[in-house]
N, C-alpha and C. Protein backbone atom coordinates (compact mmCIF):
# COMPACT_ATOMS: atom_id res chain seq x y z
N LYS A 1 90.02 107.95 55.08
CA LYS A 1 90.26 106.52 54.91
C LYS A 1 89.88 105.78 56.20
N PRO A 2 89.38 104.59 56.09
CA PRO A 2 89.07 103.81 57.29
C PRO A 2 90.33 103.59 58.13
N GLY A 3 90.20 103.76 59.43
CA GLY A 3 91.31 103.56 60.34
C GLY A 3 92.24 104.75 60.47
N GLU A 4 91.97 105.82 59.71
CA GLU A 4 92.82 107.01 59.75
C GLU A 4 92.11 108.10 60.56
N LEU A 5 92.81 108.69 61.52
CA LEU A 5 92.22 109.73 62.36
C LEU A 5 92.13 111.04 61.61
N ALA A 6 91.09 111.80 61.92
CA ALA A 6 90.95 113.14 61.34
C ALA A 6 92.02 114.04 61.94
N ARG A 7 92.47 115.01 61.14
CA ARG A 7 93.49 115.94 61.62
C ARG A 7 92.91 117.07 62.45
N SER A 8 91.61 117.32 62.27
CA SER A 8 90.99 118.43 63.00
C SER A 8 89.48 118.25 63.05
N ASN A 9 88.84 119.03 63.92
CA ASN A 9 87.38 119.03 63.98
C ASN A 9 86.81 119.54 62.66
N GLY A 10 87.48 120.53 62.08
CA GLY A 10 87.03 121.08 60.80
C GLY A 10 86.97 120.02 59.71
N GLU A 11 87.92 119.12 59.73
CA GLU A 11 87.93 118.03 58.75
C GLU A 11 86.71 117.12 58.94
N LEU A 12 86.36 116.86 60.19
CA LEU A 12 85.18 116.04 60.48
C LEU A 12 83.90 116.74 60.04
N VAL A 13 83.83 118.04 60.29
CA VAL A 13 82.65 118.82 59.90
C VAL A 13 82.51 118.83 58.38
N ALA A 14 83.61 119.02 57.67
CA ALA A 14 83.58 119.03 56.21
C ALA A 14 83.10 117.68 55.67
N LYS A 15 83.57 116.60 56.26
CA LYS A 15 83.16 115.26 55.83
C LYS A 15 81.66 115.04 56.08
N ALA A 16 81.19 115.48 57.25
CA ALA A 16 79.77 115.36 57.57
C ALA A 16 78.92 116.16 56.59
N ALA A 17 79.36 117.38 56.26
CA ALA A 17 78.64 118.22 55.31
C ALA A 17 78.60 117.57 53.93
N ASP A 18 79.71 116.97 53.52
CA ASP A 18 79.75 116.27 52.23
C ASP A 18 78.74 115.13 52.20
N LEU A 19 78.65 114.38 53.30
CA LEU A 19 77.72 113.26 53.37
C LEU A 19 76.27 113.74 53.32
N VAL A 20 75.98 114.84 54.01
CA VAL A 20 74.62 115.40 53.98
C VAL A 20 74.25 115.79 52.56
N ARG A 21 75.15 116.47 51.87
CA ARG A 21 74.89 116.89 50.48
C ARG A 21 74.74 115.67 49.56
N LEU A 22 75.54 114.64 49.80
CA LEU A 22 75.51 113.44 48.98
C LEU A 22 74.13 112.78 49.00
N ILE A 23 73.45 112.83 50.13
CA ILE A 23 72.13 112.22 50.22
C ILE A 23 71.01 113.22 49.95
N GLY A 24 71.39 114.39 49.44
CA GLY A 24 70.39 115.37 49.02
C GLY A 24 69.97 116.36 50.07
N GLY A 25 70.68 116.40 51.18
CA GLY A 25 70.33 117.34 52.25
C GLY A 25 70.96 118.70 52.04
N GLU A 26 70.56 119.62 52.89
CA GLU A 26 71.08 120.97 52.85
C GLU A 26 71.78 121.26 54.18
N VAL A 27 72.97 121.81 54.11
CA VAL A 27 73.76 122.11 55.30
C VAL A 27 73.43 123.53 55.75
N ALA A 28 73.15 123.69 57.04
CA ALA A 28 72.83 125.00 57.59
C ALA A 28 74.09 125.86 57.68
N THR A 29 73.89 127.16 57.52
CA THR A 29 74.99 128.10 57.75
C THR A 29 75.17 128.25 59.26
N VAL A 30 76.24 128.90 59.67
CA VAL A 30 76.46 129.14 61.09
C VAL A 30 75.28 129.92 61.68
N GLY A 31 74.84 130.96 60.97
CA GLY A 31 73.72 131.76 61.45
C GLY A 31 72.44 130.96 61.57
N GLU A 32 72.17 130.12 60.59
CA GLU A 32 70.97 129.28 60.62
C GLU A 32 71.02 128.29 61.79
N ALA A 33 72.19 127.71 62.01
CA ALA A 33 72.34 126.76 63.11
C ALA A 33 72.15 127.45 64.46
N ARG A 34 72.72 128.65 64.61
CA ARG A 34 72.53 129.41 65.86
C ARG A 34 71.05 129.69 66.11
N GLU A 35 70.34 130.06 65.05
CA GLU A 35 68.91 130.35 65.18
C GLU A 35 68.13 129.09 65.56
N MET A 36 68.42 127.97 64.90
CA MET A 36 67.72 126.72 65.18
C MET A 36 67.95 126.27 66.63
N LEU A 37 69.16 126.50 67.12
CA LEU A 37 69.52 126.07 68.48
C LEU A 37 69.26 127.15 69.52
N ASP A 38 68.72 128.28 69.08
CA ASP A 38 68.42 129.42 69.95
C ASP A 38 69.66 129.88 70.72
N LEU A 39 70.76 130.04 69.99
CA LEU A 39 72.01 130.52 70.58
C LEU A 39 72.22 131.97 70.19
N SER A 40 72.60 132.77 71.13
CA SER A 40 72.87 134.17 70.82
C SER A 40 74.38 134.41 70.79
N LEU A 41 74.78 135.43 70.06
CA LEU A 41 76.19 135.81 70.05
C LEU A 41 76.50 136.53 71.35
N LYS A 42 77.62 136.19 71.95
CA LYS A 42 77.99 136.84 73.22
C LYS A 42 79.26 137.60 73.06
């Protein structure tokens, strides 16, 4: 809701993913995002 703070980062991520899907986009998996950003597991 407008003016209401998110309870967690996860809630913000879920909302962002919903918006991406709403406009026809595809959300990357954790593995895909790591590969795109060239991040390795440590």
